[in-house]
C-alpha cells in the first residue's frame, strides 16, 4: 500500500465560495492562443484580387461625352452606367454598374448625380447604355 491510498475514495471537493466553471470555459483555458494576431487578416487582404483600371482612348472618351450631352438634353432616360471604383487599401479596384435616371450632370464637380443620390465621377465612367435595352446610347 502506498501513502496516498487513503485519498483514492474521498468525495470530490466542491467549493462553497466559487461557482463551478462550465466545461466550455475550462476547455478555453487550454486552447492555443494566436501568437500573430491580425496575421490572417493581412494574408486575406493580400490574397484579395482587384481589377486594373483600363485606360480609355480619346475616341471612346469623345463618344461618352456625346452620350452624356444627349442625356443632359433628354433628362428622362433610364440608363445603366458602368464605372470604376478605386480600392481604398490597394492598387486597382473594381467595375460596378448602376441603373437609374440621371438627375444632373455637374460639370464643375465633374460628376453625374443620379436620381437616387448616387454620385459617379465623370472620369470613372466606362460605358453608358439604355436600361433594359442593353444597347449603348
C-alpha atoms as a PDB file:
ATOM      1  CA  UNK A   1       0.000   0.000   0.000  1.00  0.00           C
ATOM      2  CA  UNK A   2       1.187   3.480  -0.840  1.00  0.00           C
ATOM      3  CA  UNK A   3       0.903   6.518   1.348  1.00  0.00           C
ATOM      4  CA  UNK A   4      -1.870   8.051  -0.864  1.00  0.00           C
ATOM      5  CA  UNK A   5      -4.270   5.079  -0.958  1.00  0.00           C
ATOM      6  CA  UNK A   6      -6.428   6.656   1.746  1.00  0.00           C
ATOM      7  CA  UNK A   7      -7.277   9.579  -0.594  1.00  0.00           C
ATOM      8  CA  UNK A   8      -8.464   7.447  -3.502  1.00  0.00           C
ATOM      9  CA  UNK A   9     -12.051   7.121  -2.305  1.00  0.00           C
ATOM     10  CA  UNK A  10     -12.655  10.559  -0.822  1.00  0.00           C
ATOM     11  CA  UNK A  11     -15.564  12.561  -2.359  1.00  0.00           C
ATOM     12  CA  UNK A  12     -14.769  15.281  -4.905  1.00  0.00           C
ATOM     13  CA  UNK A  13     -14.302  18.673  -3.283  1.00  0.00           C
ATOM     14  CA  UNK A  14     -16.946  21.301  -4.203  1.00  0.00           C
ATOM     15  CA  UNK A  15     -16.195  24.899  -3.231  1.00  0.00           C
ATOM     16  CA  UNK A  16     -18.834  26.826  -1.348  1.00  0.00           C
ATOM     17  CA  UNK A  17     -17.413  30.233  -2.379  1.00  0.00           C
ATOM     18  CA  UNK A  18     -16.516  29.765  -6.067  1.00  0.00           C
ATOM     19  CA  UNK A  19     -19.125  28.639  -8.621  1.00  0.00           C
ATOM     20  CA  UNK A  20     -18.432  25.609 -10.776  1.00  0.00           C
ATOM     21  CA  UNK A  21     -16.726  26.513 -14.086  1.00  0.00           C
ATOM     22  CA  UNK A  22     -18.605  25.371 -17.208  1.00  0.00           C
ATOM     23  CA  UNK A  23     -16.821  22.846 -19.437  1.00  0.00           C
ATOM     24  CA  UNK A  24     -16.581  25.279 -22.375  1.00  0.00           C
ATOM     25  CA  UNK A  25     -14.770  27.847 -20.222  1.00  0.00           C
ATOM     26  CA  UNK A  26     -12.499  25.200 -18.765  1.00  0.00           C
ATOM     27  CA  UNK A  27     -11.596  23.974 -22.269  1.00  0.00           C
ATOM     28  CA  UNK A  28     -10.859  27.565 -23.381  1.00  0.00           C
ATOM     29  CA  UNK A  29      -8.115  27.797 -20.767  1.00  0.00           C
ATOM     30  CA  UNK A  30      -6.110  25.211 -22.655  1.00  0.00           C
ATOM     31  CA  UNK A  31      -6.877  26.379 -26.209  1.00  0.00           C
ATOM     32  CA  UNK A  32      -3.902  27.642 -28.206  1.00  0.00           C
ATOM     33  CA  UNK A  33      -3.553  31.398 -28.490  1.00  0.00           C
ATOM     34  CA  UNK A  34      -2.862  33.323 -31.685  1.00  0.00           C
ATOM     35  CA  UNK A  35       0.717  34.486 -31.395  1.00  0.00           C
ATOM     36  CA  UNK A  36       0.431  36.589 -34.549  1.00  0.00           C
ATOM     37  CA  UNK A  37      -2.805  38.490 -34.098  1.00  0.00           C
ATOM     38  CA  UNK A  38      -4.013  40.043 -37.323  1.00  0.00           C
ATOM     39  CA  UNK A  39      -1.781  37.861 -39.486  1.00  0.00           C
ATOM     40  CA  UNK A  40      -4.711  36.069 -41.124  1.00  0.00           C
ATOM     41  CA  UNK A  41      -6.327  39.438 -41.935  1.00  0.00           C
ATOM     42  CA  UNK A  42      -3.133  40.592 -43.650  1.00  0.00           C
ATOM     43  CA  UNK A  43      -2.916  37.355 -45.642  1.00  0.00           C
ATOM     44  CA  UNK A  44      -6.590  37.690 -46.640  1.00  0.00           C
ATOM     45  CA  UNK A  45      -6.071  41.294 -47.766  1.00  0.00           C
ATOM     46  CA  UNK A  46      -3.028  40.310 -49.807  1.00  0.00           C
ATOM     47  CA  UNK A  47      -4.924  37.467 -51.467  1.00  0.00           C
ATOM     48  CA  UNK A  48      -7.904  39.679 -52.338  1.00  0.00           C
ATOM     49  CA  UNK A  49      -7.903  40.404 -56.051  1.00  0.00           C
ATOM     50  CA  UNK A  50      -8.576  43.774 -57.652  1.00  0.00           C
ATOM     51  CA  UNK A  51      -9.063  44.757 -61.275  1.00  0.00           C
ATOM     52  CA  UNK A  52      -6.643  47.043 -63.054  1.00  0.00           C
ATOM     53  CA  UNK A  53      -8.117  50.252 -64.381  1.00  0.00           C
ATOM     54  CA  UNK A  54      -8.323  50.114 -68.179  1.00  0.00           C
ATOM     55  CA  UNK A  55      -7.079  53.211 -69.969  1.00  0.00           C
ATOM     56  CA  UNK A  56      -9.580  54.650 -72.429  1.00  0.00           C
ATOM     57  CA  UNK A  57      -8.616  56.096 -75.789  1.00  0.00           C
ATOM     58  CA  UNK A  58      -9.631  59.572 -76.935  1.00  0.00           C
ATOM     59  CA  UNK A  59     -12.292  58.354 -79.371  1.00  0.00           C
ATOM     60  CA  UNK A  60     -14.083  56.384 -76.636  1.00  0.00           C
ATOM     61  CA  UNK A  61     -13.943  59.384 -74.299  1.00  0.00           C
ATOM     62  CA  UNK A  62     -15.406  61.600 -77.041  1.00  0.00           C
ATOM     63  CA  UNK A  63     -18.193  59.065 -77.583  1.00  0.00           C
ATOM     64  CA  UNK A  64     -19.002  59.034 -73.845  1.00  0.00           C
ATOM     65  CA  UNK A  65     -19.014  62.827 -73.846  1.00  0.00           C
ATOM     66  CA  UNK A  66     -21.529  62.834 -76.701  1.00  0.00           C
ATOM     67  CA  UNK A  67     -23.733  60.345 -74.877  1.00  0.00           C
ATOM     68  CA  UNK A  68     -23.666  62.493 -71.724  1.00  0.00           C
ATOM     69  CA  UNK A  69     -24.602  65.616 -73.726  1.00  0.00           C
ATOM     70  CA  UNK A  70     -27.563  63.748 -75.246  1.00  0.00           C
ATOM     71  CA  UNK A  71     -28.648  62.568 -71.793  1.00  0.00           C
ATOM     72  CA  UNK A  72     -28.384  66.079 -70.380  1.00  0.00           C
ATOM     73  CA  UNK A  73     -30.688  67.300 -73.155  1.00  0.00           C
ATOM     74  CA  UNK A  74     -33.178  64.432 -72.700  1.00  0.00           C
ATOM     75  CA  UNK A  75     -33.173  64.323 -68.894  1.00  0.00           C
ATOM     76  CA  UNK A  76     -35.710  61.489 -68.571  1.00  0.00           C
ATOM     77  CA  UNK A  77     -33.932  58.412 -69.904  1.00  0.00           C
ATOM     78  CA  UNK A  78     -33.131  55.493 -67.608  1.00  0.00           C
ATOM     79  CA  UNK A  79     -29.576  54.336 -68.145  1.00  0.00           C
ATOM     80  CA  UNK A  80     -27.058  51.824 -66.893  1.00  0.00           C
ATOM     81  CA  UNK A  81     -23.645  53.313 -66.199  1.00  0.00           C
ATOM     82  CA  UNK A  82     -20.573  51.109 -65.814  1.00  0.00           C
ATOM     83  CA  UNK A  83     -17.840  52.837 -63.829  1.00  0.00           C
ATOM     84  CA  UNK A  84     -14.586  52.125 -61.999  1.00  0.00           C
ATOM     85  CA  UNK A  85     -14.364  52.277 -58.195  1.00  0.00           C
ATOM     86  CA  UNK A  86     -10.818  52.547 -56.835  1.00  0.00           C
ATOM     87  CA  UNK A  87      -9.894  50.294 -53.918  1.00  0.00           C
ATOM     88  CA  UNK A  88      -9.130  52.153 -50.700  1.00  0.00           C
ATOM     89  CA  UNK A  89      -6.481  49.692 -49.485  1.00  0.00           C
ATOM     90  CA  UNK A  90      -4.503  48.570 -52.510  1.00  0.00           C
ATOM     91  CA  UNK A  91      -3.802  49.336 -56.150  1.00  0.00           C
ATOM     92  CA  UNK A  92      -6.626  48.696 -58.581  1.00  0.00           C
ATOM     93  CA  UNK A  93     -10.312  48.454 -57.847  1.00  0.00           C
ATOM     94  CA  UNK A  94     -13.492  47.030 -59.337  1.00  0.00           C
ATOM     95  CA  UNK A  95     -16.047  47.836 -62.006  1.00  0.00           C
ATOM     96  CA  UNK A  96     -19.626  48.453 -60.897  1.00  0.00           C
ATOM     97  CA  UNK A  97     -22.814  49.290 -62.736  1.00  0.00           C
ATOM     98  CA  UNK A  98     -25.688  51.459 -61.611  1.00  0.00           C
ATOM     99  CA  UNK A  99     -29.096  51.727 -63.247  1.00  0.00           C
ATOM    100  CA  UNK A 100     -31.366  54.717 -62.819  1.00  0.00           C
ATOM    101  CA  UNK A 101     -32.315  58.146 -64.062  1.00  0.00           C
ATOM    102  CA  UNK A 102     -29.778  60.938 -64.159  1.00  0.00           C
ATOM    103  CA  UNK A 103     -30.778  63.939 -62.064  1.00  0.00           C
ATOM    104  CA  UNK A 104     -27.977  66.199 -63.285  1.00  0.00           C
ATOM    105  CA  UNK A 105     -24.511  66.255 -64.760  1.00  0.00           C
ATOM    106  CA  UNK A 106     -22.379  68.573 -62.647  1.00  0.00           C
ATOM    107  CA  UNK A 107     -19.603  69.975 -64.825  1.00  0.00           C
ATOM    108  CA  UNK A 108     -17.982  71.948 -62.009  1.00  0.00           C
ATOM    109  CA  UNK A 109     -17.543  68.892 -59.741  1.00  0.00           C
ATOM    110  CA  UNK A 110     -17.153  66.584 -62.771  1.00  0.00           C
ATOM    111  CA  UNK A 111     -19.723  64.077 -61.605  1.00  0.00           C
ATOM    112  CA  UNK A 112     -23.047  62.527 -62.552  1.00  0.00           C
ATOM    113  CA  UNK A 113     -25.726  62.759 -59.867  1.00  0.00           C
ATOM    114  CA  UNK A 114     -28.340  60.039 -60.172  1.00  0.00           C
ATOM    115  CA  UNK A 115     -31.987  60.468 -59.109  1.00  0.00           C
ATOM    116  CA  UNK A 116     -31.409  58.159 -56.109  1.00  0.00           C
ATOM    117  CA  UNK A 117     -28.452  60.253 -54.889  1.00  0.00           C
ATOM    118  CA  UNK A 118     -25.589  58.102 -56.177  1.00  0.00           C
ATOM    119  CA  UNK A 119     -22.686  60.235 -57.439  1.00  0.00           C
ATOM    120  CA  UNK A 120     -20.381  58.930 -60.158  1.00  0.00           C
ATOM    121  CA  UNK A 121     -17.185  60.748 -61.171  1.00  0.00           C
ATOM    122  CA  UNK A 122     -17.129  61.545 -64.883  1.00  0.00           C
ATOM    123  CA  UNK A 123     -13.545  60.295 -65.194  1.00  0.00           C
ATOM    124  CA  UNK A 124     -14.559  56.863 -63.887  1.00  0.00           C
ATOM    125  CA  UNK A 125     -17.352  56.213 -66.419  1.00  0.00           C
ATOM    126  CA  UNK A 126     -16.526  53.391 -68.819  1.00  0.00           C
ATOM    127  CA  UNK A 127     -19.843  52.731 -70.562  1.00  0.00           C
ATOM    128  CA  UNK A 128     -23.343  54.172 -70.754  1.00  0.00           C
ATOM    129  CA  UNK A 129     -26.254  52.067 -72.046  1.00  0.00           C
ATOM    130  CA  UNK A 130     -30.026  52.284 -72.076  1.00  0.00           C
ATOM    131  CA  UNK A 131     -31.520  50.398 -69.133  1.00  0.00           C
ATOM    132  CA  UNK A 132     -33.313  47.251 -70.213  1.00  0.00           C
ATOM    133  CA  UNK A 133     -32.426  47.716 -73.882  1.00  0.00           C
ATOM    134  CA  UNK A 134     -28.792  46.760 -73.481  1.00  0.00           C
ATOM    135  CA  UNK A 135     -27.681  48.998 -76.331  1.00  0.00           C
ATOM    136  CA  UNK A 136     -25.414  51.977 -75.888  1.00  0.00           C
ATOM    137  CA  UNK A 137     -26.962  55.393 -76.198  1.00  0.00           C
END
